[in-house]
Amino acid sequence: TTSPSPPSSHSCTFSNSASPPLAKGQTPHPSNGRPAQELITKFSDYQPTQIRYFTFHSTKYYWNNEVQNFKVLTGLEDLQVSCSTLHLEHTAGLS
């Protein structure tokens, strides 16, 4: 019997790079990687954010500074949100 490996701790920094890497099969935007002026204005005061997290038994935990403890990272699939609920609650004013 093998013992489980200890959880690995990660730190991930998100930053606003001018040209994000392309996924396999994607092509560059016609603007040649230069973001639109409105996006520059919108995110001009953006500060990089560092998230401390680790994965244990396929569950991700992230550091919550408010409670000074790790919390389980949940997504929409964990909350069992239906597409119709998202559509009803978040499409007002869209045409």
PDB file of N, CA and C in Angstrom:
ATOM      1  N   THR A   1       0.854  -1.185   0.000  1.00  0.00           N
ATOM      2  CA  THR A   1       0.000   0.000   0.000  1.00  0.00           C
ATOM      3  C   THR A   1       0.890   1.235   0.000  1.00  0.00           C
ATOM      4  N   THR A   2       0.565   2.158  -0.844  1.00  0.00           N
ATOM      5  CA  THR A   2       1.343   3.397  -0.879  1.00  0.00           C
ATOM      6  C   THR A   2       0.608   4.474  -0.113  1.00  0.00           C
ATOM      7  N   SER A   3       1.362   5.293   0.584  1.00  0.00           N
ATOM      8  CA  SER A   3       0.742   6.383   1.332  1.00  0.00           C
ATOM      9  C   SER A   3       0.521   7.564   0.394  1.00  0.00           C
ATOM     10  N   PRO A   4      -0.535   8.353   0.646  1.00  0.00           N
ATOM     11  CA  PRO A   4      -0.806   9.491  -0.232  1.00  0.00           C
ATOM     12  C   PRO A   4       0.305  10.524  -0.117  1.00  0.00           C
ATOM     13  N   SER A   5       0.597  11.142  -1.220  1.00  0.00           N
ATOM     14  CA  SER A   5       1.629  12.176  -1.199  1.00  0.00           C
ATOM     15  C   SER A   5       1.077  13.419  -0.522  1.00  0.00           C
ATOM     16  N   PRO A   6       1.937  14.174   0.157  1.00  0.00           N
ATOM     17  CA  PRO A   6       1.465  15.375   0.843  1.00  0.00           C
ATOM     18  C   PRO A   6       0.960  16.388  -0.174  1.00  0.00           C
ATOM     19  N   PRO A   7      -0.028  17.210   0.226  1.00  0.00           N
ATOM     20  CA  PRO A   7      -0.544  18.200  -0.716  1.00  0.00           C
ATOM     21  C   PRO A   7       0.544  19.202  -1.078  1.00  0.00           C
ATOM     22  N   SER A   8       0.570  19.569  -2.334  1.00  0.00           N
ATOM     23  CA  SER A   8       1.552  20.559  -2.753  1.00  0.00           C
ATOM     24  C   SER A   8       0.928  21.939  -2.663  1.00  0.00           C
ATOM     25  N   SER A   9       1.699  22.905  -2.237  1.00  0.00           N
ATOM     26  CA  SER A   9       1.214  24.271  -2.101  1.00  0.00           C
ATOM     27  C   SER A   9       1.658  25.073  -3.305  1.00  0.00           C
ATOM     28  N   HIS A  10       0.780  25.910  -3.804  1.00  0.00           N
ATOM     29  CA  HIS A  10       1.071  26.707  -4.985  1.00  0.00           C
ATOM     30  C   HIS A  10       0.782  28.171  -4.709  1.00  0.00           C
ATOM     31  N   SER A  11       1.414  29.003  -5.470  1.00  0.00           N
ATOM     32  CA  SER A  11       1.118  30.420  -5.451  1.00  0.00           C
ATOM     33  C   SER A  11       0.983  30.850  -6.897  1.00  0.00           C
ATOM     34  N   CYS A  12      -0.094  31.510  -7.218  1.00  0.00           N
ATOM     35  CA  CYS A  12      -0.380  31.867  -8.602  1.00  0.00           C
ATOM     36  C   CYS A  12      -0.555  33.372  -8.687  1.00  0.00           C
ATOM     37  N   THR A  13       0.210  34.027  -9.536  1.00  0.00           N
ATOM     38  CA  THR A  13       0.094  35.470  -9.700  1.00  0.00           C
ATOM     39  C   THR A  13      -0.587  35.770 -11.015  1.00  0.00           C
ATOM     40  N   PHE A  14      -1.645  36.575 -10.950  1.00  0.00           N
ATOM     41  CA  PHE A  14      -2.339  37.012 -12.142  1.00  0.00           C
ATOM     42  C   PHE A  14      -1.889  38.427 -12.448  1.00  0.00           C
ATOM     43  N   SER A  15      -1.516  38.681 -13.675  1.00  0.00           N
ATOM     44  CA  SER A  15      -1.107  40.031 -14.048  1.00  0.00           C
ATOM     45  C   SER A  15      -1.699  40.377 -15.397  1.00  0.00           C
ATOM     46  N   ASN A  16      -1.666  41.664 -15.703  1.00  0.00           N
ATOM     47  CA  ASN A  16      -2.255  42.117 -16.955  1.00  0.00           C
ATOM     48  C   ASN A  16      -1.187  42.202 -18.030  1.00  0.00           C
ATOM     49  N   SER A  17      -0.932  41.098 -18.708  1.00  0.00           N
ATOM     50  CA  SER A  17       0.071  41.111 -19.762  1.00  0.00           C
ATOM     51  C   SER A  17      -0.578  41.600 -21.049  1.00  0.00           C
ATOM     52  N   ALA A  18       0.199  42.230 -21.895  1.00  0.00           N
ATOM     53  CA  ALA A  18      -0.332  42.809 -23.126  1.00  0.00           C
ATOM     54  C   ALA A  18      -0.759  41.745 -24.118  1.00  0.00           C
ATOM     55  N   SER A  19      -0.075  40.620 -24.145  1.00  0.00           N
ATOM     56  CA  SER A  19      -0.446  39.585 -25.103  1.00  0.00           C
ATOM     57  C   SER A  19      -0.474  38.227 -24.418  1.00  0.00           C
ATOM     58  N   PRO A  20      -1.691  37.759 -24.033  1.00  0.00           N
ATOM     59  CA  PRO A  20      -1.787  36.464 -23.371  1.00  0.00           C
ATOM     60  C   PRO A  20      -1.414  35.345 -24.329  1.00  0.00           C
ATOM     61  N   PRO A  21      -0.913  34.227 -23.794  1.00  0.00           N
ATOM     62  CA  PRO A  21      -0.550  33.117 -24.666  1.00  0.00           C
ATOM     63  C   PRO A  21      -1.791  32.565 -25.358  1.00  0.00           C
ATOM     64  N   LEU A  22      -1.610  32.088 -26.567  1.00  0.00           N
ATOM     65  CA  LEU A  22      -2.722  31.536 -27.325  1.00  0.00           C
ATOM     66  C   LEU A  22      -2.851  30.048 -27.051  1.00  0.00           C
ATOM     67  N   ALA A  23      -4.090  29.591 -26.942  1.00  0.00           N
ATOM     68  CA  ALA A  23      -4.340  28.165 -26.777  1.00  0.00           C
ATOM     69  C   ALA A  23      -4.143  27.484 -28.123  1.00  0.00           C
ATOM     70  N   LYS A  24      -3.933  26.192 -28.080  1.00  0.00           N
ATOM     71  CA  LYS A  24      -3.721  25.434 -29.315  1.00  0.00           C
ATOM     72  C   LYS A  24      -4.916  25.634 -30.250  1.00  0.00           C
ATOM     73  N   GLY A  25      -4.632  26.032 -31.468  1.00  0.00           N
ATOM     74  CA  GLY A  25      -5.682  26.230 -32.451  1.00  0.00           C
ATOM     75  C   GLY A  25      -6.220  27.649 -32.522  1.00  0.00           C
ATOM     76  N   GLN A  26      -5.864  28.509 -31.565  1.00  0.00           N
ATOM     77  CA  GLN A  26      -6.333  29.890 -31.608  1.00  0.00           C
ATOM     78  C   GLN A  26      -5.457  30.713 -32.537  1.00  0.00           C
ATOM     79  N   THR A  27      -6.042  31.746 -33.092  1.00  0.00           N
ATOM     80  CA  THR A  27      -5.282  32.667 -33.931  1.00  0.00           C
ATOM     81  C   THR A  27      -5.258  34.030 -33.268  1.00  0.00           C
ATOM     82  N   PRO A  28      -4.226  34.826 -33.516  1.00  0.00           N
ATOM     83  CA  PRO A  28      -4.156  36.140 -32.897  1.00  0.00           C
ATOM     84  C   PRO A  28      -5.297  37.037 -33.357  1.00  0.00           C
ATOM     85  N   HIS A  29      -5.692  37.955 -32.490  1.00  0.00           N
ATOM     86  CA  HIS A  29      -6.734  38.930 -32.805  1.00  0.00           C
ATOM     87  C   HIS A  29      -6.212  39.881 -33.870  1.00  0.00           C
ATOM     88  N   PRO A  30      -7.077  40.385 -34.766  1.00  0.00           N
ATOM     89  CA  PRO A  30      -6.616  41.280 -35.826  1.00  0.00           C
ATOM     90  C   PRO A  30      -5.910  42.538 -35.332  1.00  0.00           C
ATOM     91  N   SER A  31      -6.067  42.877 -34.048  1.00  0.00           N
ATOM     92  CA  SER A  31      -5.404  44.072 -33.528  1.00  0.00           C
ATOM     93  C   SER A  31      -3.926  43.826 -33.271  1.00  0.00           C
ATOM     94  N   ASN A  32      -3.414  42.639 -33.652  1.00  0.00           N
ATOM     95  CA  ASN A  32      -2.007  42.269 -33.457  1.00  0.00           C
ATOM     96  C   ASN A  32      -1.593  42.279 -31.988  1.00  0.00           C
ATOM     97  N   GLY A  33      -2.515  41.929 -31.092  1.00  0.00           N
ATOM     98  CA  GLY A  33      -2.179  41.820 -29.683  1.00  0.00           C
ATOM     99  C   GLY A  33      -2.313  43.115 -28.902  1.00  0.00           C
ATOM    100  N   ARG A  34      -2.633  44.226 -29.558  1.00  0.00           N
ATOM    101  CA  ARG A  34      -2.813  45.483 -28.827  1.00  0.00           C
ATOM    102  C   ARG A  34      -4.246  45.564 -28.328  1.00  0.00           C
ATOM    103  N   PRO A  35      -4.456  45.642 -26.999  1.00  0.00           N
ATOM    104  CA  PRO A  35      -5.820  45.678 -26.471  1.00  0.00           C
ATOM    105  C   PRO A  35      -6.528  46.978 -26.856  1.00  0.00           C
ATOM    106  N   ALA A  36      -7.838  46.936 -26.927  1.00  0.00           N
ATOM    107  CA  ALA A  36      -8.632  48.118 -27.243  1.00  0.00           C
ATOM    108  C   ALA A  36      -8.456  49.166 -26.153  1.00  0.00           C
ATOM    109  N   GLN A  37      -8.566  50.430 -26.529  1.00  0.00           N
ATOM    110  CA  GLN A  37      -8.365  51.539 -25.588  1.00  0.00           C
ATOM    111  C   GLN A  37      -9.316  51.450 -24.398  1.00  0.00           C
ATOM    112  N   GLU A  38     -10.552  51.013 -24.631  1.00  0.00           N
ATOM    113  CA  GLU A  38     -11.503  50.919 -23.522  1.00  0.00           C
ATOM    114  C   GLU A  38     -11.064  49.887 -22.488  1.00  0.00           C
ATOM    115  N   LEU A  39     -10.439  48.798 -22.930  1.00  0.00           N
ATOM    116  CA  LEU A  39      -9.928  47.816 -21.978  1.00  0.00           C
ATOM    117  C   LEU A  39      -8.756  48.372 -21.193  1.00  0.00           C
ATOM    118  N   ILE A  40      -7.905  49.133 -21.857  1.00  0.00           N
ATOM    119  CA  ILE A  40      -6.773  49.755 -21.166  1.00  0.00           C
ATOM    120  C   ILE A  40      -7.289  50.689 -20.085  1.00  0.00           C
ATOM    121  N   THR A  41      -8.290  51.489 -20.423  1.00  0.00           N
ATOM    122  CA  THR A  41      -8.867  52.418 -19.455  1.00  0.00           C
ATOM    123  C   THR A  41      -9.515  51.663 -18.302  1.00  0.00           C
ATOM    124  N   LYS A  42     -10.267  50.621 -18.630  1.00  0.00           N
ATOM    125  CA  LYS A  42     -10.988  49.858 -17.611  1.00  0.00           C
ATOM    126  C   LYS A  42     -10.047  49.207 -16.605  1.00  0.00           C
ATOM    127  N   PHE A  43      -8.919  48.695 -17.078  1.00  0.00           N
ATOM    128  CA  PHE A  43      -8.020  47.955 -16.208  1.00  0.00           C
ATOM    129  C   PHE A  43      -6.736  48.711 -15.882  1.00  0.00           C
ATOM    130  N   SER A  44      -6.722  50.029 -16.068  1.00  0.00           N
ATOM    131  CA  SER A  44      -5.491  50.792 -15.847  1.00  0.00           C
ATOM    132  C   SER A  44      -5.058  50.795 -14.382  1.00  0.00           C
ATOM    133  N   ASP A  45      -6.004  50.674 -13.460  1.00  0.00           N
ATOM    134  CA  ASP A  45      -5.646  50.673 -12.039  1.00  0.00           C
ATOM    135  C   ASP A  45      -5.528  49.256 -11.482  1.00  0.00           C
ATOM    136  N   TYR A  46      -5.510  48.251 -12.357  1.00  0.00           N
ATOM    137  CA  TYR A  46      -5.419  46.849 -11.944  1.00  0.00           C
ATOM    138  C   TYR A  46      -4.084  46.564 -11.273  1.00  0.00           C
ATOM    139  N   GLN A  47      -4.144  45.855 -10.169  1.00  0.00           N
ATOM    140  CA  GLN A  47      -2.943  45.419  -9.466  1.00  0.00           C
ATOM    141  C   GLN A  47      -2.876  43.896  -9.534  1.00  0.00           C
ATOM    142  N   PRO A  48      -1.693  43.336  -9.779  1.00  0.00           N
ATOM    143  CA  PRO A  48      -1.578  41.873  -9.784  1.00  0.00           C
ATOM    144  C   PRO A  48      -2.051  41.293  -8.452  1.00  0.00           C
ATOM    145  N   THR A  49      -2.645  40.127  -8.512  1.00  0.00           N
ATOM    146  CA  THR A  49      -3.188  39.473  -7.331  1.00  0.00           C
ATOM    147  C   THR A  49      -2.506  38.124  -7.156  1.00  0.00           C
ATOM    148  N   GLN A  50      -2.174  37.811  -5.934  1.00  0.00           N
ATOM    149  CA  GLN A  50      -1.559  36.525  -5.654  1.00  0.00           C
ATOM    150  C   GLN A  50      -2.549  35.681  -4.857  1.00  0.00           C
ATOM    151  N   ILE A  51      -2.760  34.457  -5.317  1.00  0.00           N
ATOM    152  CA  ILE A  51      -3.687  33.546  -4.656  1.00  0.00           C
ATOM    153  C   ILE A  51      -2.901  32.347  -4.145  1.00  0.00           C
ATOM    154  N   ARG A  52      -3.033  32.079  -2.857  1.00  0.00           N
ATOM    155  CA  ARG A  52      -2.384  30.905  -2.267  1.00  0.00           C
ATOM    156  C   ARG A  52      -3.399  29.778  -2.270  1.00  0.00           C
ATOM    157  N   TYR A  53      -2.993  28.616  -2.816  1.00  0.00           N
ATOM    158  CA  TYR A  53      -3.906  27.494  -2.879  1.00  0.00           C
ATOM    159  C   TYR A  53      -3.141  26.184  -2.892  1.00  0.00           C
ATOM    160  N   PHE A  54      -3.856  25.109  -2.617  1.00  0.00           N
ATOM    161  CA  PHE A  54      -3.284  23.776  -2.752  1.00  0.00           C
ATOM    162  C   PHE A  54      -4.403  22.817  -3.147  1.00  0.00           C
ATOM    163  N   THR A  55      -4.020  21.669  -3.676  1.00  0.00           N
ATOM    164  CA  THR A  55      -4.971  20.643  -4.086  1.00  0.00           C
ATOM    165  C   THR A  55      -4.730  19.399  -3.239  1.00  0.00           C
ATOM    166  N   PHE A  56      -5.810  18.855  -2.691  1.00  0.00           N
ATOM    167  CA  PHE A  56      -5.728  17.645  -1.884  1.00  0.00           C
ATOM    168  C   PHE A  56      -6.911  16.760  -2.254  1.00  0.00           C
ATOM    169  N   HIS A  57      -6.636  15.544  -2.705  1.00  0.00           N
ATOM    170  CA  HIS A  57      -7.677  14.605  -3.143  1.00  0.00           C
ATOM    171  C   HIS A  57      -8.607  15.252  -4.165  1.00  0.00           C
ATOM    172  N   SER A  58      -8.035  15.906  -5.164  1.00  0.00           N
ATOM    173  CA  SER A  58      -8.759  16.546  -6.273  1.00  0.00           C
ATOM    174  C   SER A  58      -9.648  17.714  -5.855  1.00  0.00           C
ATOM    175  N   THR A  59      -9.499  18.186  -4.641  1.00  0.00           N
ATOM    176  CA  THR A  59     -10.247  19.353  -4.181  1.00  0.00           C
ATOM    177  C   THR A  59      -9.263  20.494  -3.988  1.00  0.00           C
ATOM    178  N   LYS A  60      -9.599  21.664  -4.543  1.00  0.00           N
ATOM    179  CA  LYS A  60      -8.720  22.823  -4.398  1.00  0.00           C
ATOM    180  C   LYS A  60      -9.167  23.663  -3.208  1.00  0.00           C
ATOM    181  N   TYR A  61      -8.182  24.098  -2.447  1.00  0.00           N
ATOM    182  CA  TYR A  61      -8.413  24.964  -1.302  1.00  0.00           C
ATOM    183  C   TYR A  61      -7.650  26.256  -1.543  1.00  0.00           C
ATOM    184  N   TYR A  62      -8.264  27.391  -1.220  1.00  0.00           N
ATOM    185  CA  TYR A  62      -7.605  28.684  -1.391  1.00  0.00           C
ATOM    186  C   TYR A  62      -7.583  29.420  -0.058  1.00  0.00           C
ATOM    187  N   TRP A  63      -6.601  30.304   0.095  1.00  0.00           N
ATOM    188  CA  TRP A  63      -6.450  31.068   1.331  1.00  0.00           C
ATOM    189  C   TRP A  63      -7.450  32.208   1.345  1.00  0.00           C
ATOM    190  N   ASN A  64      -8.271  32.278   2.399  1.00  0.00           N
ATOM    191  CA  ASN A  64      -9.229  33.359   2.585  1.00  0.00           C
ATOM    192  C   ASN A  64      -8.678  34.258   3.682  1.00  0.00           C
ATOM    193  N   ASN A  65      -8.255  35.439   3.299  1.00  0.00           N
ATOM    194  CA  ASN A  65      -7.619  36.356   4.235  1.00  0.00           C
ATOM    195  C   ASN A  65      -8.570  36.817   5.333  1.00  0.00           C
ATOM    196  N   GLU A  66      -9.868  36.914   5.026  1.00  0.00           N
ATOM    197  CA  GLU A  66     -10.839  37.382   6.017  1.00  0.00           C
ATOM    198  C   GLU A  66     -10.936  36.441   7.211  1.00  0.00           C
ATOM    199  N   VAL A  67     -10.922  35.144   6.962  1.00  0.00           N
ATOM    200  CA  VAL A  67     -11.042  34.176   8.055  1.00  0.00           C
ATOM    201  C   VAL A  67      -9.702  33.575   8.447  1.00  0.00           C
ATOM    202  N   GLN A  68      -8.631  33.983   7.727  1.00  0.00           N
ATOM    203  CA  GLN A  68      -7.281  33.494   8.003  1.00  0.00           C
ATOM    204  C   GLN A  68      -7.220  31.971   7.998  1.00  0.00           C
ATOM    205  N   ASN A  69      -7.831  31.401   6.949  1.00  0.00           N
ATOM    206  CA  ASN A  69      -7.852  29.954   6.824  1.00  0.00           C
ATOM    207  C   ASN A  69      -8.097  29.589   5.363  1.00  0.00           C
ATOM    208  N   PHE A  70      -7.850  28.332   5.016  1.00  0.00           N
ATOM    209  CA  PHE A  70      -8.131  27.868   3.667  1.00  0.00           C
ATOM    210  C   PHE A  70      -9.604  27.492   3.559  1.00  0.00           C
ATOM    211  N   LYS A  71     -10.202  27.779   2.398  1.00  0.00           N
ATOM    212  CA  LYS A  71     -11.585  27.415   2.120  1.00  0.00           C
ATOM    213  C   LYS A  71     -11.614  26.601   0.836  1.00  0.00           C
ATOM    214  N   VAL A  72     -12.649  25.787   0.670  1.00  0.00           N
ATOM    215  CA  VAL A  72     -12.803  24.968  -0.531  1.00  0.00           C
ATOM    216  C   VAL A  72     -13.188  25.876  -1.694  1.00  0.00           C
ATOM    217  N   LEU A  73     -12.479  25.701  -2.812  1.00  0.00           N
ATOM    218  CA  LEU A  73     -12.790  26.454  -4.020  1.00  0.00           C
ATOM    219  C   LEU A  73     -13.965  25.782  -4.712  1.00  0.00           C
ATOM    220  N   THR A  74     -15.049  26.522  -4.904  1.00  0.00           N
ATOM    221  CA  THR A  74     -16.225  25.970  -5.563  1.00  0.00           C
ATOM    222  C   THR A  74     -16.455  26.689  -6.882  1.00  0.00           C
ATOM    223  N   GLY A  75     -17.072  26.007  -7.786  1.00  0.00           N
ATOM    224  CA  GLY A  75     -17.419  26.577  -9.080  1.00  0.00           C
ATOM    225  C   GLY A  75     -18.912  26.456  -9.297  1.00  0.00           C
ATOM    226  N   LEU A  76     -19.359  26.872 -10.459  1.00  0.00           N
ATOM    227  CA  LEU A  76     -20.791  26.802 -10.744  1.00  0.00           C
ATOM    228  C   LEU A  76     -21.312  25.373 -10.702  1.00  0.00           C
ATOM    229  N   GLU A  77     -20.479  24.408 -11.104  1.00  0.00           N
ATOM    230  CA  GLU A  77     -20.944  23.024 -11.085  1.00  0.00           C
ATOM    231  C   GLU A  77     -21.186  22.542  -9.655  1.00  0.00           C
ATOM    232  N   ASP A  78     -20.443  23.089  -8.698  1.00  0.00           N
ATOM    233  CA  ASP A  78     -20.633  22.709  -7.298  1.00  0.00           C
ATOM    234  C   ASP A  78     -21.901  23.331  -6.717  1.00  0.00           C
ATOM    235  N   LEU A  79     -22.288  24.488  -7.241  1.00  0.00           N
ATOM    236  CA  LEU A  79     -23.473  25.186  -6.743  1.00  0.00           C
ATOM    237  C   LEU A  79     -24.748  24.710  -7.432  1.00  0.00           C
ATOM    238  N   GLN A  80     -24.609  23.870  -8.433  1.00  0.00           N
ATOM    239  CA  GLN A  80     -25.725  23.320  -9.201  1.00  0.00           C
ATOM    240  C   GLN A  80     -26.615  24.422  -9.763  1.00  0.00           C
ATOM    241  N   VAL A  81     -25.988  25.392 -10.423  1.00  0.00           N
ATOM    242  CA  VAL A  81     -26.700  26.490 -11.064  1.00  0.00           C
ATOM    243  C   VAL A  81     -27.078  26.051 -12.472  1.00  0.00           C
ATOM    244  N   SER A  82     -28.342  26.237 -12.826  1.00  0.00           N
ATOM    245  CA  SER A  82     -28.777  25.839 -14.166  1.00  0.00           C
ATOM    246  C   SER A  82     -28.543  26.979 -15.152  1.00  0.00           C
ATOM    247  N   CYS A  83     -28.427  26.631 -16.418  1.00  0.00           N
ATOM    248  CA  CYS A  83     -28.240  27.639 -17.463  1.00  0.00           C
ATOM    249  C   CYS A  83     -29.433  28.585 -17.516  1.00  0.00           C
ATOM    250  N   SER A  84     -30.633  28.051 -17.322  1.00  0.00           N
ATOM    251  CA  SER A  84     -31.821  28.907 -17.380  1.00  0.00           C
ATOM    252  C   SER A  84     -31.821  29.928 -16.242  1.00  0.00           C
ATOM    253  N   THR A  85     -31.338  29.548 -15.068  1.00  0.00           N
ATOM    254  CA  THR A  85     -31.248  30.490 -13.954  1.00  0.00           C
ATOM    255  C   THR A  85     -30.255  31.599 -14.277  1.00  0.00           C
ATOM    256  N   LEU A  86     -29.101  31.233 -14.806  1.00  0.00           N
ATOM    257  CA  LEU A  86     -28.121  32.248 -15.195  1.00  0.00           C
ATOM    258  C   LEU A  86     -28.710  33.192 -16.226  1.00  0.00           C
ATOM    259  N   HIS A  87     -29.402  32.646 -17.205  1.00  0.00           N
ATOM    260  CA  HIS A  87     -29.993  33.457 -18.265  1.00  0.00           C
ATOM    261  C   HIS A  87     -31.025  34.421 -17.689  1.00  0.00           C
ATOM    262  N   LEU A  88     -31.908  33.930 -16.835  1.00  0.00           N
ATOM    263  CA  LEU A  88     -32.958  34.769 -16.261  1.00  0.00           C
ATOM    264  C   LEU A  88     -32.392  35.883 -15.386  1.00  0.00           C
ATOM    265  N   GLU A  89     -31.364  35.580 -14.607  1.00  0.00           N
ATOM    266  CA  GLU A  89     -30.847  36.548 -13.647  1.00  0.00           C
ATOM    267  C   GLU A  89     -29.834  37.524 -14.221  1.00  0.00           C
ATOM    268  N   HIS A  90     -29.182  37.167 -15.333  1.00  0.00           N
ATOM    269  CA  HIS A  90     -28.053  37.989 -15.774  1.00  0.00           C
ATOM    270  C   HIS A  90     -28.130  38.482 -17.209  1.00  0.00           C
ATOM    271  N   THR A  91     -29.283  38.408 -17.840  1.00  0.00           N
ATOM    272  CA  THR A  91     -29.354  38.881 -19.221  1.00  0.00           C
ATOM    273  C   THR A  91     -30.256  40.092 -19.393  1.00  0.00           C
ATOM    274  N   ALA A  92     -30.654  40.719 -18.308  1.00  0.00           N
ATOM    275  CA  ALA A  92     -31.509  41.903 -18.409  1.00  0.00           C
ATOM    276  C   ALA A  92     -30.794  42.988 -19.214  1.00  0.00           C
ATOM    277  N   GLY A  93     -31.485  43.512 -20.219  1.00  0.00           N
ATOM    278  CA  GLY A  93     -30.917  44.589 -21.025  1.00  0.00           C
ATOM    279  C   GLY A  93     -30.107  44.127 -22.209  1.00  0.00           C
ATOM    280  N   LEU A  94     -29.832  42.834 -22.308  1.00  0.00           N
ATOM    281  CA  LEU A  94     -29.092  42.325 -23.462  1.00  0.00           C
ATOM    282  C   LEU A  94     -30.066  42.027 -24.591  1.00  0.00           C
ATOM    283  N   SER A  95     -29.614  42.226 -25.797  1.00  0.00           N
ATOM    284  CA  SER A  95     -30.498  41.914 -26.924  1.00  0.00           C
ATOM    285  C   SER A  95     -29.824  40.971 -27.885  1.00  0.00           C
TER     286      SER A  95
END
